[in-house]
Amino acid sequence: MQVKNIVIVFGFLVVAFIADRIWNKRDKRNFGVFYNASINGRIIDIGPSSGIVYFTLDNSDVQYGFAPRAFDYNHYMSFSDSAKVGDVIVKPAKSDTLRLIKGTHTYLFTFKKY
């Protein structure tokens, strides 16, 4: 019985490790597209997925994905709870800060780098 449990746990760990490696590659690829892009447009689609927020802008067919971090300037408000369709996102290429513009207010967000 002990050997069977050890095999099951080991198998689970192997599957978890492989899944993590696959997701990590995808996250790095998405981050590269996001980080290198000069972004300036109005959100037409947005949604979270496993800690990553994906969005599409009105002036691009690209779906950008990034892992936002709250910034103390914004009183640590969440990007995924704040950003809505119609808001504007501005981020120069290779910038470490994204601006979310909601009407007359601008909020700053940093993000996880891969």
PDB file of N, CA and C in Angstrom:
ATOM      1  N   MET A   1       0.817  -1.195   0.000  1.00  0.00           N
ATOM      2  CA  MET A   1       0.000   0.000   0.000  1.00  0.00           C
ATOM      3  C   MET A   1       0.866   1.266   0.000  1.00  0.00           C
ATOM      4  N   GLN A   2       1.940   1.276   0.765  1.00  0.00           N
ATOM      5  CA  GLN A   2       2.826   2.435   0.842  1.00  0.00           C
ATOM      6  C   GLN A   2       3.455   2.750  -0.521  1.00  0.00           C
ATOM      7  N   VAL A   3       3.886   1.718  -1.235  1.00  0.00           N
ATOM      8  CA  VAL A   3       4.528   1.914  -2.532  1.00  0.00           C
ATOM      9  C   VAL A   3       3.539   2.533  -3.511  1.00  0.00           C
ATOM     10  N   LYS A   4       2.310   2.067  -3.493  1.00  0.00           N
ATOM     11  CA  LYS A   4       1.277   2.595  -4.383  1.00  0.00           C
ATOM     12  C   LYS A   4       1.063   4.086  -4.116  1.00  0.00           C
ATOM     13  N   ASN A   5       1.001   4.482  -2.849  1.00  0.00           N
ATOM     14  CA  ASN A   5       0.823   5.898  -2.501  1.00  0.00           C
ATOM     15  C   ASN A   5       2.009   6.742  -2.949  1.00  0.00           C
ATOM     16  N   ILE A   6       3.198   6.202  -2.803  1.00  0.00           N
ATOM     17  CA  ILE A   6       4.403   6.924  -3.227  1.00  0.00           C
ATOM     18  C   ILE A   6       4.398   7.118  -4.743  1.00  0.00           C
ATOM     19  N   VAL A   7       4.008   6.092  -5.484  1.00  0.00           N
ATOM     20  CA  VAL A   7       3.937   6.178  -6.947  1.00  0.00           C
ATOM     21  C   VAL A   7       2.896   7.217  -7.361  1.00  0.00           C
ATOM     22  N   ILE A   8       1.752   7.246  -6.698  1.00  0.00           N
ATOM     23  CA  ILE A   8       0.696   8.215  -7.022  1.00  0.00           C
ATOM     24  C   ILE A   8       1.184   9.639  -6.758  1.00  0.00           C
ATOM     25  N   VAL A   9       1.794   9.864  -5.622  1.00  0.00           N
ATOM     26  CA  VAL A   9       2.303  11.196  -5.281  1.00  0.00           C
ATOM     27  C   VAL A   9       3.402  11.604  -6.261  1.00  0.00           C
ATOM     28  N   PHE A  10       4.305  10.709  -6.570  1.00  0.00           N
ATOM     29  CA  PHE A  10       5.375  11.000  -7.516  1.00  0.00           C
ATOM     30  C   PHE A  10       4.792  11.341  -8.894  1.00  0.00           C
ATOM     31  N   GLY A  11       3.816  10.570  -9.345  1.00  0.00           N
ATOM     32  CA  GLY A  11       3.173  10.832 -10.635  1.00  0.00           C
ATOM     33  C   GLY A  11       2.507  12.198 -10.664  1.00  0.00           C
ATOM     34  N   PHE A  12       1.828  12.545  -9.572  1.00  0.00           N
ATOM     35  CA  PHE A  12       1.192  13.854  -9.484  1.00  0.00           C
ATOM     36  C   PHE A  12       2.224  14.970  -9.560  1.00  0.00           C
ATOM     37  N   LEU A  13       3.338  14.814  -8.863  1.00  0.00           N
ATOM     38  CA  LEU A  13       4.397  15.824  -8.886  1.00  0.00           C
ATOM     39  C   LEU A  13       5.001  15.990 -10.276  1.00  0.00           C
ATOM     40  N   VAL A  14       5.171  14.894 -10.991  1.00  0.00           N
ATOM     41  CA  VAL A  14       5.710  14.957 -12.355  1.00  0.00           C
ATOM     42  C   VAL A  14       4.742  15.704 -13.270  1.00  0.00           C
ATOM     43  N   VAL A  15       3.457  15.378 -13.179  1.00  0.00           N
ATOM     44  CA  VAL A  15       2.446  16.058 -14.005  1.00  0.00           C
ATOM     45  C   VAL A  15       2.402  17.551 -13.657  1.00  0.00           C
ATOM     46  N   ALA A  16       2.446  17.876 -12.369  1.00  0.00           N
ATOM     47  CA  ALA A  16       2.423  19.282 -11.946  1.00  0.00           C
ATOM     48  C   ALA A  16       3.649  20.028 -12.470  1.00  0.00           C
ATOM     49  N   PHE A  17       4.810  19.385 -12.430  1.00  0.00           N
ATOM     50  CA  PHE A  17       6.045  20.004 -12.915  1.00  0.00           C
ATOM     51  C   PHE A  17       5.952  20.280 -14.419  1.00  0.00           C
ATOM     52  N   ILE A  18       5.481  19.316 -15.168  1.00  0.00           N
ATOM     53  CA  ILE A  18       5.359  19.473 -16.628  1.00  0.00           C
ATOM     54  C   ILE A  18       4.357  20.578 -16.960  1.00  0.00           C
ATOM     55  N   ALA A  19       3.221  20.597 -16.281  1.00  0.00           N
ATOM     56  CA  ALA A  19       2.215  21.634 -16.520  1.00  0.00           C
ATOM     57  C   ALA A  19       2.781  23.017 -16.210  1.00  0.00           C
ATOM     58  N   ASP A  20       3.520  23.123 -15.115  1.00  0.00           N
ATOM     59  CA  ASP A  20       4.122  24.399 -14.746  1.00  0.00           C
ATOM     60  C   ASP A  20       5.096  24.873 -15.816  1.00  0.00           C
ATOM     61  N   ARG A  21       5.894  23.978 -16.355  1.00  0.00           N
ATOM     62  CA  ARG A  21       6.860  24.341 -17.402  1.00  0.00           C
ATOM     63  C   ARG A  21       6.146  24.827 -18.660  1.00  0.00           C
ATOM     64  N   ILE A  22       5.038  24.171 -19.025  1.00  0.00           N
ATOM     65  CA  ILE A  22       4.270  24.570 -20.213  1.00  0.00           C
ATOM     66  C   ILE A  22       3.680  25.961 -20.009  1.00  0.00           C
ATOM     67  N   TRP A  23       3.038  26.193 -18.851  1.00  0.00           N
ATOM     68  CA  TRP A  23       2.436  27.499 -18.582  1.00  0.00           C
ATOM     69  C   TRP A  23       3.489  28.582 -18.488  1.00  0.00           C
ATOM     70  N   ASN A  24       4.629  28.264 -17.924  1.00  0.00           N
ATOM     71  CA  ASN A  24       5.691  29.250 -17.791  1.00  0.00           C
ATOM     72  C   ASN A  24       6.193  29.687 -19.167  1.00  0.00           C
ATOM     73  N   LYS A  25       6.323  28.756 -20.104  1.00  0.00           N
ATOM     74  CA  LYS A  25       6.737  29.104 -21.468  1.00  0.00           C
ATOM     75  C   LYS A  25       5.707  30.018 -22.121  1.00  0.00           C
ATOM     76  N   ARG A  26       4.423  29.679 -21.951  1.00  0.00           N
ATOM     77  CA  ARG A  26       3.356  30.495 -22.526  1.00  0.00           C
ATOM     78  C   ARG A  26       3.375  31.894 -21.920  1.00  0.00           C
ATOM     79  N   ASP A  27       3.547  31.972 -20.600  1.00  0.00           N
ATOM     80  CA  ASP A  27       3.580  33.266 -19.914  1.00  0.00           C
ATOM     81  C   ASP A  27       4.762  34.106 -20.395  1.00  0.00           C
ATOM     82  N   LYS A  28       5.925  33.494 -20.587  1.00  0.00           N
ATOM     83  CA  LYS A  28       7.101  34.218 -21.088  1.00  0.00           C
ATOM     84  C   LYS A  28       6.849  34.747 -22.492  1.00  0.00           C
ATOM     85  N   ARG A  29       6.237  33.934 -23.334  1.00  0.00           N
ATOM     86  CA  ARG A  29       5.949  34.346 -24.713  1.00  0.00           C
ATOM     87  C   ARG A  29       4.958  35.524 -24.701  1.00  0.00           C
ATOM     88  N   ASN A  30       3.886  35.409 -23.894  1.00  0.00           N
ATOM     89  CA  ASN A  30       2.905  36.495 -23.796  1.00  0.00           C
ATOM     90  C   ASN A  30       3.550  37.765 -23.251  1.00  0.00           C
ATOM     91  N   PHE A  31       4.418  37.603 -22.258  1.00  0.00           N
ATOM     92  CA  PHE A  31       5.079  38.770 -21.680  1.00  0.00           C
ATOM     93  C   PHE A  31       5.960  39.461 -22.717  1.00  0.00           C
ATOM     94  N   GLY A  32       6.677  38.698 -23.524  1.00  0.00           N
ATOM     95  CA  GLY A  32       7.530  39.289 -24.552  1.00  0.00           C
ATOM     96  C   GLY A  32       6.737  40.150 -25.523  1.00  0.00           C
ATOM     97  N   VAL A  33       5.582  39.659 -25.945  1.00  0.00           N
ATOM     98  CA  VAL A  33       4.722  40.434 -26.854  1.00  0.00           C
ATOM     99  C   VAL A  33       4.257  41.708 -26.151  1.00  0.00           C
ATOM    100  N   PHE A  34       3.792  41.565 -24.910  1.00  0.00           N
ATOM    101  CA  PHE A  34       3.290  42.705 -24.136  1.00  0.00           C
ATOM    102  C   PHE A  34       4.403  43.717 -23.856  1.00  0.00           C
ATOM    103  N   TYR A  35       5.536  43.262 -23.347  1.00  0.00           N
ATOM    104  CA  TYR A  35       6.621  44.145 -22.924  1.00  0.00           C
ATOM    105  C   TYR A  35       7.202  44.941 -24.095  1.00  0.00           C
ATOM    106  N   ASN A  36       7.365  44.312 -25.237  1.00  0.00           N
ATOM    107  CA  ASN A  36       7.981  44.966 -26.388  1.00  0.00           C
ATOM    108  C   ASN A  36       7.023  45.843 -27.184  1.00  0.00           C
ATOM    109  N   ALA A  37       5.734  45.776 -26.885  1.00  0.00           N
ATOM    110  CA  ALA A  37       4.737  46.529 -27.642  1.00  0.00           C
ATOM    111  C   ALA A  37       4.582  47.945 -27.105  1.00  0.00           C
ATOM    112  N   SER A  38       4.374  48.869 -28.022  1.00  0.00           N
ATOM    113  CA  SER A  38       3.963  50.222 -27.670  1.00  0.00           C
ATOM    114  C   SER A  38       2.434  50.199 -27.699  1.00  0.00           C
ATOM    115  N   ILE A  39       1.823  50.346 -26.529  1.00  0.00           N
ATOM    116  CA  ILE A  39       0.378  50.156 -26.396  1.00  0.00           C
ATOM    117  C   ILE A  39      -0.283  51.494 -26.084  1.00  0.00           C
ATOM    118  N   ASN A  40      -1.312  51.807 -26.864  1.00  0.00           N
ATOM    119  CA  ASN A  40      -2.074  53.036 -26.634  1.00  0.00           C
ATOM    120  C   ASN A  40      -3.430  52.858 -27.307  1.00  0.00           C
ATOM    121  N   GLY A  41      -4.432  52.498 -26.534  1.00  0.00           N
ATOM    122  CA  GLY A  41      -5.743  52.289 -27.123  1.00  0.00           C
ATOM    123  C   GLY A  41      -6.817  52.049 -26.084  1.00  0.00           C
ATOM    124  N   ARG A  42      -8.041  51.948 -26.577  1.00  0.00           N
ATOM    125  CA  ARG A  42      -9.207  51.753 -25.725  1.00  0.00           C
ATOM    126  C   ARG A  42      -9.517  50.257 -25.616  1.00  0.00           C
ATOM    127  N   ILE A  43      -9.791  49.794 -24.410  1.00  0.00           N
ATOM    128  CA  ILE A  43     -10.075  48.376 -24.167  1.00  0.00           C
ATOM    129  C   ILE A  43     -11.415  48.006 -24.803  1.00  0.00           C
ATOM    130  N   ILE A  44     -11.396  46.933 -25.620  1.00  0.00           N
ATOM    131  CA  ILE A  44     -12.651  46.406 -26.176  1.00  0.00           C
ATOM    132  C   ILE A  44     -12.979  45.024 -25.621  1.00  0.00           C
ATOM    133  N   ASP A  45     -11.988  44.375 -25.002  1.00  0.00           N
ATOM    134  CA  ASP A  45     -12.220  43.066 -24.387  1.00  0.00           C
ATOM    135  C   ASP A  45     -11.185  42.881 -23.281  1.00  0.00           C
ATOM    136  N   ILE A  46     -11.629  42.341 -22.139  1.00  0.00           N
ATOM    137  CA  ILE A  46     -10.713  42.135 -21.025  1.00  0.00           C
ATOM    138  C   ILE A  46     -11.207  40.981 -20.169  1.00  0.00           C
ATOM    139  N   GLY A  47     -10.254  40.192 -19.647  1.00  0.00           N
ATOM    140  CA  GLY A  47     -10.621  39.089 -18.777  1.00  0.00           C
ATOM    141  C   GLY A  47      -9.412  38.475 -18.104  1.00  0.00           C
ATOM    142  N   PRO A  48      -9.582  38.030 -16.854  1.00  0.00           N
ATOM    143  CA  PRO A  48      -8.487  37.387 -16.126  1.00  0.00           C
ATOM    144  C   PRO A  48      -8.401  35.898 -16.440  1.00  0.00           C
ATOM    145  N   SER A  49      -7.213  35.339 -16.239  1.00  0.00           N
ATOM    146  CA  SER A  49      -7.006  33.906 -16.409  1.00  0.00           C
ATOM    147  C   SER A  49      -5.775  33.489 -15.621  1.00  0.00           C
ATOM    148  N   SER A  50      -5.966  32.832 -14.498  1.00  0.00           N
ATOM    149  CA  SER A  50      -4.864  32.309 -13.681  1.00  0.00           C
ATOM    150  C   SER A  50      -3.803  33.348 -13.346  1.00  0.00           C
ATOM    151  N   GLY A  51      -4.218  34.506 -12.865  1.00  0.00           N
ATOM    152  CA  GLY A  51      -3.270  35.536 -12.467  1.00  0.00           C
ATOM    153  C   GLY A  51      -2.811  36.433 -13.594  1.00  0.00           C
ATOM    154  N   ILE A  52      -3.129  36.076 -14.811  1.00  0.00           N
ATOM    155  CA  ILE A  52      -2.787  36.880 -15.979  1.00  0.00           C
ATOM    156  C   ILE A  52      -4.056  37.608 -16.426  1.00  0.00           C
ATOM    157  N   VAL A  53      -3.926  38.877 -16.791  1.00  0.00           N
ATOM    158  CA  VAL A  53      -5.054  39.616 -17.360  1.00  0.00           C
ATOM    159  C   VAL A  53      -4.804  39.742 -18.857  1.00  0.00           C
ATOM    160  N   TYR A  54      -5.794  39.356 -19.641  1.00  0.00           N
ATOM    161  CA  TYR A  54      -5.718  39.459 -21.100  1.00  0.00           C
ATOM    162  C   TYR A  54      -6.637  40.583 -21.557  1.00  0.00           C
ATOM    163  N   PHE A  55      -6.162  41.392 -22.501  1.00  0.00           N
ATOM    164  CA  PHE A  55      -7.006  42.455 -23.033  1.00  0.00           C
ATOM    165  C   PHE A  55      -6.708  42.683 -24.505  1.00  0.00           C
ATOM    166  N   THR A  56      -7.705  43.230 -25.205  1.00  0.00           N
ATOM    167  CA  THR A  56      -7.587  43.601 -26.608  1.00  0.00           C
ATOM    168  C   THR A  56      -8.008  45.057 -26.713  1.00  0.00           C
ATOM    169  N   LEU A  57      -7.304  45.798 -27.564  1.00  0.00           N
ATOM    170  CA  LEU A  57      -7.602  47.216 -27.745  1.00  0.00           C
ATOM    171  C   LEU A  57      -8.281  47.475 -29.080  1.00  0.00           C
ATOM    172  N   ASP A  58      -8.899  48.637 -29.175  1.00  0.00           N
ATOM    173  CA  ASP A  58      -9.659  48.991 -30.377  1.00  0.00           C
ATOM    174  C   ASP A  58      -8.791  49.177 -31.615  1.00  0.00           C
ATOM    175  N   ASN A  59      -7.498  49.387 -31.454  1.00  0.00           N
ATOM    176  CA  ASN A  59      -6.628  49.662 -32.596  1.00  0.00           C
ATOM    177  C   ASN A  59      -5.664  48.514 -32.915  1.00  0.00           C
ATOM    178  N   SER A  60      -5.959  47.307 -32.399  1.00  0.00           N
ATOM    179  CA  SER A  60      -5.064  46.175 -32.629  1.00  0.00           C
ATOM    180  C   SER A  60      -5.841  44.857 -32.517  1.00  0.00           C
ATOM    181  N   ASP A  61      -5.416  43.862 -33.272  1.00  0.00           N
ATOM    182  CA  ASP A  61      -6.002  42.524 -33.169  1.00  0.00           C
ATOM    183  C   ASP A  61      -5.265  41.671 -32.144  1.00  0.00           C
ATOM    184  N   VAL A  62      -4.172  42.193 -31.585  1.00  0.00           N
ATOM    185  CA  VAL A  62      -3.356  41.442 -30.642  1.00  0.00           C
ATOM    186  C   VAL A  62      -4.060  41.360 -29.293  1.00  0.00           C
ATOM    187  N   GLN A  63      -4.061  40.164 -28.705  1.00  0.00           N
ATOM    188  CA  GLN A  63      -4.552  40.008 -27.338  1.00  0.00           C
ATOM    189  C   GLN A  63      -3.313  40.019 -26.441  1.00  0.00           C
ATOM    190  N   TYR A  64      -3.191  41.071 -25.628  1.00  0.00           N
ATOM    191  CA  TYR A  64      -2.052  41.208 -24.728  1.00  0.00           C
ATOM    192  C   TYR A  64      -2.358  40.510 -23.414  1.00  0.00           C
ATOM    193  N   GLY A  65      -1.331  39.938 -22.805  1.00  0.00           N
ATOM    194  CA  GLY A  65      -1.480  39.299 -21.511  1.00  0.00           C
ATOM    195  C   GLY A  65      -0.350  39.714 -20.586  1.00  0.00           C
ATOM    196  N   PHE A  66      -0.690  40.034 -19.334  1.00  0.00           N
ATOM    197  CA  PHE A  66       0.336  40.404 -18.362  1.00  0.00           C
ATOM    198  C   PHE A  66      -0.160  40.116 -16.960  1.00  0.00           C
ATOM    199  N   ALA A  67       0.781  40.040 -16.021  1.00  0.00           N
ATOM    200  CA  ALA A  67       0.471  39.775 -14.611  1.00  0.00           C
ATOM    201  C   ALA A  67       0.630  41.079 -13.838  1.00  0.00           C
ATOM    202  N   PRO A  68      -0.472  41.823 -13.643  1.00  0.00           N
ATOM    203  CA  PRO A  68      -0.370  43.133 -12.997  1.00  0.00           C
ATOM    204  C   PRO A  68      -0.029  43.049 -11.519  1.00  0.00           C
ATOM    205  N   ARG A  69       0.652  44.085 -11.058  1.00  0.00           N
ATOM    206  CA  ARG A  69       0.934  44.253  -9.629  1.00  0.00           C
ATOM    207  C   ARG A  69       0.370  45.603  -9.226  1.00  0.00           C
ATOM    208  N   ALA A  70      -0.262  45.640  -8.096  1.00  0.00           N
ATOM    209  CA  ALA A  70      -0.804  46.905  -7.601  1.00  0.00           C
ATOM    210  C   ALA A  70       0.345  47.825  -7.208  1.00  0.00           C
ATOM    211  N   PHE A  71       0.137  49.092  -7.360  1.00  0.00           N
ATOM    212  CA  PHE A  71       1.150  50.112  -7.106  1.00  0.00           C
ATOM    213  C   PHE A  71       0.653  50.962  -5.948  1.00  0.00           C
ATOM    214  N   ASP A  72       1.496  51.326  -5.014  1.00  0.00           N
ATOM    215  CA  ASP A  72       1.034  52.075  -3.835  1.00  0.00           C
ATOM    216  C   ASP A  72       0.426  53.425  -4.204  1.00  0.00           C
ATOM    217  N   TYR A  73       0.827  53.962  -5.341  1.00  0.00           N
ATOM    218  CA  TYR A  73       0.250  55.210  -5.841  1.00  0.00           C
ATOM    219  C   TYR A  73      -1.267  55.090  -5.996  1.00  0.00           C
ATOM    220  N   ASN A  74      -1.741  53.901  -6.337  1.00  0.00           N
ATOM    221  CA  ASN A  74      -3.180  53.640  -6.550  1.00  0.00           C
ATOM    222  C   ASN A  74      -3.852  53.083  -5.305  1.00  0.00           C
ATOM    223  N   HIS A  75      -3.194  53.140  -4.179  1.00  0.00           N
ATOM    224  CA  HIS A  75      -3.715  52.543  -2.946  1.00  0.00           C
ATOM    225  C   HIS A  75      -3.923  51.037  -3.126  1.00  0.00           C
ATOM    226  N   TYR A  76      -3.054  50.423  -3.917  1.00  0.00           N
ATOM    227  CA  TYR A  76      -3.033  48.970  -4.143  1.00  0.00           C
ATOM    228  C   TYR A  76      -4.333  48.419  -4.723  1.00  0.00           C
ATOM    229  N   MET A  77      -5.021  49.202  -5.533  1.00  0.00           N
ATOM    230  CA  MET A  77      -6.233  48.674  -6.163  1.00  0.00           C
ATOM    231  C   MET A  77      -5.859  47.681  -7.257  1.00  0.00           C
ATOM    232  N   SER A  78      -6.727  46.746  -7.499  1.00  0.00           N
ATOM    233  CA  SER A  78      -6.480  45.666  -8.446  1.00  0.00           C
ATOM    234  C   SER A  78      -6.753  46.118  -9.879  1.00  0.00           C
ATOM    235  N   PHE A  79      -5.851  45.783 -10.796  1.00  0.00           N
ATOM    236  CA  PHE A  79      -6.062  46.116 -12.202  1.00  0.00           C
ATOM    237  C   PHE A  79      -7.287  45.383 -12.747  1.00  0.00           C
ATOM    238  N   SER A  80      -7.398  44.083 -12.447  1.00  0.00           N
ATOM    239  CA  SER A  80      -8.492  43.299 -13.020  1.00  0.00           C
ATOM    240  C   SER A  80      -9.857  43.757 -12.509  1.00  0.00           C
ATOM    241  N   ASP A  81      -9.924  44.333 -11.299  1.00  0.00           N
ATOM    242  CA  ASP A  81     -11.192  44.863 -10.795  1.00  0.00           C
ATOM    243  C   ASP A  81     -11.455  46.279 -11.303  1.00  0.00           C
ATOM    244  N   SER A  82     -10.406  46.987 -11.695  1.00  0.00           N
ATOM    245  CA  SER A  82     -10.534  48.393 -12.085  1.00  0.00           C
ATOM    246  C   SER A  82     -10.746  48.592 -13.581  1.00  0.00           C
ATOM    247  N   ALA A  83      -9.997  47.880 -14.391  1.00  0.00           N
ATOM    248  CA  ALA A  83     -10.038  48.084 -15.841  1.00  0.00           C
ATOM    249  C   ALA A  83     -11.342  47.543 -16.423  1.00  0.00           C
ATOM    250  N   LYS A  84     -11.968  48.360 -17.242  1.00  0.00           N
ATOM    251  CA  LYS A  84     -13.244  48.001 -17.869  1.00  0.00           C
ATOM    252  C   LYS A  84     -13.197  48.327 -19.356  1.00  0.00           C
ATOM    253  N   VAL A  85     -14.089  47.710 -20.112  1.00  0.00           N
ATOM    254  CA  VAL A  85     -14.223  48.031 -21.530  1.00  0.00           C
ATOM    255  C   VAL A  85     -14.479  49.533 -21.649  1.00  0.00           C
ATOM    256  N   GLY A  86     -13.746  50.182 -22.542  1.00  0.00           N
ATOM    257  CA  GLY A  86     -13.874  51.619 -22.746  1.00  0.00           C
ATOM    258  C   GLY A  86     -12.756  52.424 -22.104  1.00  0.00           C
ATOM    259  N   ASP A  87     -12.077  51.853 -21.101  1.00  0.00           N
ATOM    260  CA  ASP A  87     -10.931  52.539 -20.493  1.00  0.00           C
ATOM    261  C   ASP A  87      -9.757  52.524 -21.474  1.00  0.00           C
ATOM    262  N   VAL A  88      -8.803  53.409 -21.257  1.00  0.00           N
ATOM    263  CA  VAL A  88      -7.639  53.523 -22.140  1.00  0.00           C
ATOM    264  C   VAL A  88      -6.407  52.977 -21.422  1.00  0.00           C
ATOM    265  N   ILE A  89      -5.594  52.237 -22.162  1.00  0.00           N
ATOM    266  CA  ILE A  89      -4.317  51.723 -21.660  1.00  0.00           C
ATOM    267  C   ILE A  89      -3.199  52.344 -22.481  1.00  0.00           C
ATOM    268  N   VAL A  90      -2.166  52.834 -21.767  1.00  0.00           N
ATOM    269  CA  VAL A  90      -0.991  53.411 -22.427  1.00  0.00           C
ATOM    270  C   VAL A  90       0.254  52.786 -21.804  1.00  0.00           C
ATOM    271  N   LYS A  91       1.131  52.236 -22.658  1.00  0.00           N
ATOM    272  CA  LYS A  91       2.411  51.695 -22.196  1.00  0.00           C
ATOM    273  C   LYS A  91       3.416  51.805 -23.334  1.00  0.00           C
ATOM    274  N   PRO A  92       4.464  52.606 -23.152  1.00  0.00           N
ATOM    275  CA  PRO A  92       5.519  52.640 -24.167  1.00  0.00           C
ATOM    276  C   PRO A  92       6.227  51.280 -24.252  1.00  0.00           C
ATOM    277  N   ALA A  93       6.827  50.994 -25.385  1.00  0.00           N
ATOM    278  CA  ALA A  93       7.581  49.752 -25.543  1.00  0.00           C
ATOM    279  C   ALA A  93       8.675  49.670 -24.490  1.00  0.00           C
ATOM    280  N   LYS A  94       8.842  48.498 -23.928  1.00  0.00           N
ATOM    281  CA  LYS A  94       9.863  48.187 -22.926  1.00  0.00           C
ATOM    282  C   LYS A  94       9.723  48.993 -21.627  1.00  0.00           C
ATOM    283  N   SER A  95       8.565  49.571 -21.394  1.00  0.00           N
ATOM    284  CA  SER A  95       8.320  50.308 -20.158  1.00  0.00           C
ATOM    285  C   SER A  95       7.933  49.339 -19.046  1.00  0.00           C
ATOM    286  N   ASP A  96       8.281  49.679 -17.814  1.00  0.00           N
ATOM    287  CA  ASP A  96       7.920  48.814 -16.688  1.00  0.00           C
ATOM    288  C   ASP A  96       6.634  49.269 -16.001  1.00  0.00           C
ATOM    289  N   THR A  97       5.970  50.276 -16.578  1.00  0.00           N
ATOM    290  CA  THR A  97       4.737  50.808 -15.993  1.00  0.00           C
ATOM    291  C   THR A  97       3.671  50.960 -17.065  1.00  0.00           C
ATOM    292  N   LEU A  98       2.476  50.557 -16.715  1.00  0.00           N
ATOM    293  CA  LEU A  98       1.318  50.685 -17.591  1.00  0.00           C
ATOM    294  C   LEU A  98       0.394  51.726 -16.968  1.00  0.00           C
ATOM    295  N   ARG A  99      -0.178  52.596 -17.794  1.00  0.00           N
ATOM    296  CA  ARG A  99      -1.146  53.588 -17.312  1.00  0.00           C
ATOM    297  C   ARG A  99      -2.539  53.161 -17.732  1.00  0.00           C
ATOM    298  N   LEU A 100      -3.451  53.155 -16.778  1.00  0.00           N
ATOM    299  CA  LEU A 100      -4.866  52.890 -17.033  1.00  0.00           C
ATOM    300  C   LEU A 100      -5.580  54.219 -16.860  1.00  0.00           C
ATOM    301  N   ILE A 101      -6.227  54.684 -17.914  1.00  0.00           N
ATOM    302  CA  ILE A 101      -6.917  55.974 -17.869  1.00  0.00           C
ATOM    303  C   ILE A 101      -8.420  55.714 -17.863  1.00  0.00           C
ATOM    304  N   LYS A 102      -9.043  56.155 -16.780  1.00  0.00           N
ATOM    305  CA  LYS A 102     -10.486  56.013 -16.586  1.00  0.00           C
ATOM    306  C   LYS A 102     -11.064  57.422 -16.475  1.00  0.00           C
ATOM    307  N   GLY A 103     -11.596  57.923 -17.568  1.00  0.00           N
ATOM    308  CA  GLY A 103     -12.112  59.292 -17.565  1.00  0.00           C
ATOM    309  C   GLY A 103     -10.986  60.277 -17.349  1.00  0.00           C
ATOM    310  N   THR A 104     -11.045  61.040 -16.254  1.00  0.00           N
ATOM    311  CA  THR A 104     -10.006  62.036 -15.973  1.00  0.00           C
ATOM    312  C   THR A 104      -8.956  61.522 -14.993  1.00  0.00           C
ATOM    313  N   HIS A 105      -9.097  60.281 -14.539  1.00  0.00           N
ATOM    314  CA  HIS A 105      -8.151  59.711 -13.574  1.00  0.00           C
ATOM    315  C   HIS A 105      -7.179  58.752 -14.271  1.00  0.00           C
ATOM    316  N   THR A 106      -5.920  58.812 -13.861  1.00  0.00           N
ATOM    317  CA  THR A 106      -4.890  57.911 -14.382  1.00  0.00           C
ATOM    318  C   THR A 106      -4.352  57.072 -13.233  1.00  0.00           C
ATOM    319  N   TYR A 107      -4.257  55.770 -13.457  1.00  0.00           N
ATOM    320  CA  TYR A 107      -3.755  54.829 -12.459  1.00  0.00           C
ATOM    321  C   TYR A 107      -2.536  54.132 -13.040  1.00  0.00           C
ATOM    322  N   LEU A 108      -1.523  53.928 -12.215  1.00  0.00           N
ATOM    323  CA  LEU A 108      -0.287  53.287 -12.652  1.00  0.00           C
ATOM    324  C   LEU A 108      -0.219  51.854 -12.138  1.00  0.00           C
ATOM    325  N   PHE A 109       0.270  50.955 -12.984  1.00  0.00           N
ATOM    326  CA  PHE A 109       0.444  49.561 -12.602  1.00  0.00           C
ATOM    327  C   PHE A 109       1.782  49.065 -13.103  1.00  0.00           C
ATOM    328  N   THR A 110       2.447  48.279 -12.272  1.00  0.00           N
ATOM    329  CA  THR A 110       3.631  47.559 -12.714  1.00  0.00           C
ATOM    330  C   THR A 110       3.193  46.122 -12.958  1.00  0.00           C
ATOM    331  N   PHE A 111       4.104  45.283 -13.374  1.00  0.00           N
ATOM    332  CA  PHE A 111       3.729  43.906 -13.711  1.00  0.00           C
ATOM    333  C   PHE A 111       4.886  42.961 -13.492  1.00  0.00           C
ATOM    334  N   LYS A 112       4.547  41.704 -13.359  1.00  0.00           N
ATOM    335  CA  LYS A 112       5.555  40.662 -13.184  1.00  0.00           C
ATOM    336  C   LYS A 112       6.344  40.532 -14.479  1.00  0.00           C
ATOM    337  N   LYS A 113       7.662  40.462 -14.331  1.00  0.00           N
ATOM    338  CA  LYS A 113       8.534  40.294 -15.496  1.00  0.00           C
ATOM    339  C   LYS A 113       9.034  38.850 -15.547  1.00  0.00           C
ATOM    340  N   TYR A 114       9.026  38.301 -16.756  1.00  0.00           N
ATOM    341  CA  TYR A 114       9.459  36.914 -16.947  1.00  0.00           C
ATOM    342  C   TYR A 114      10.806  36.889 -17.635  1.00  0.00           C
TER     343      TYR A 114
END
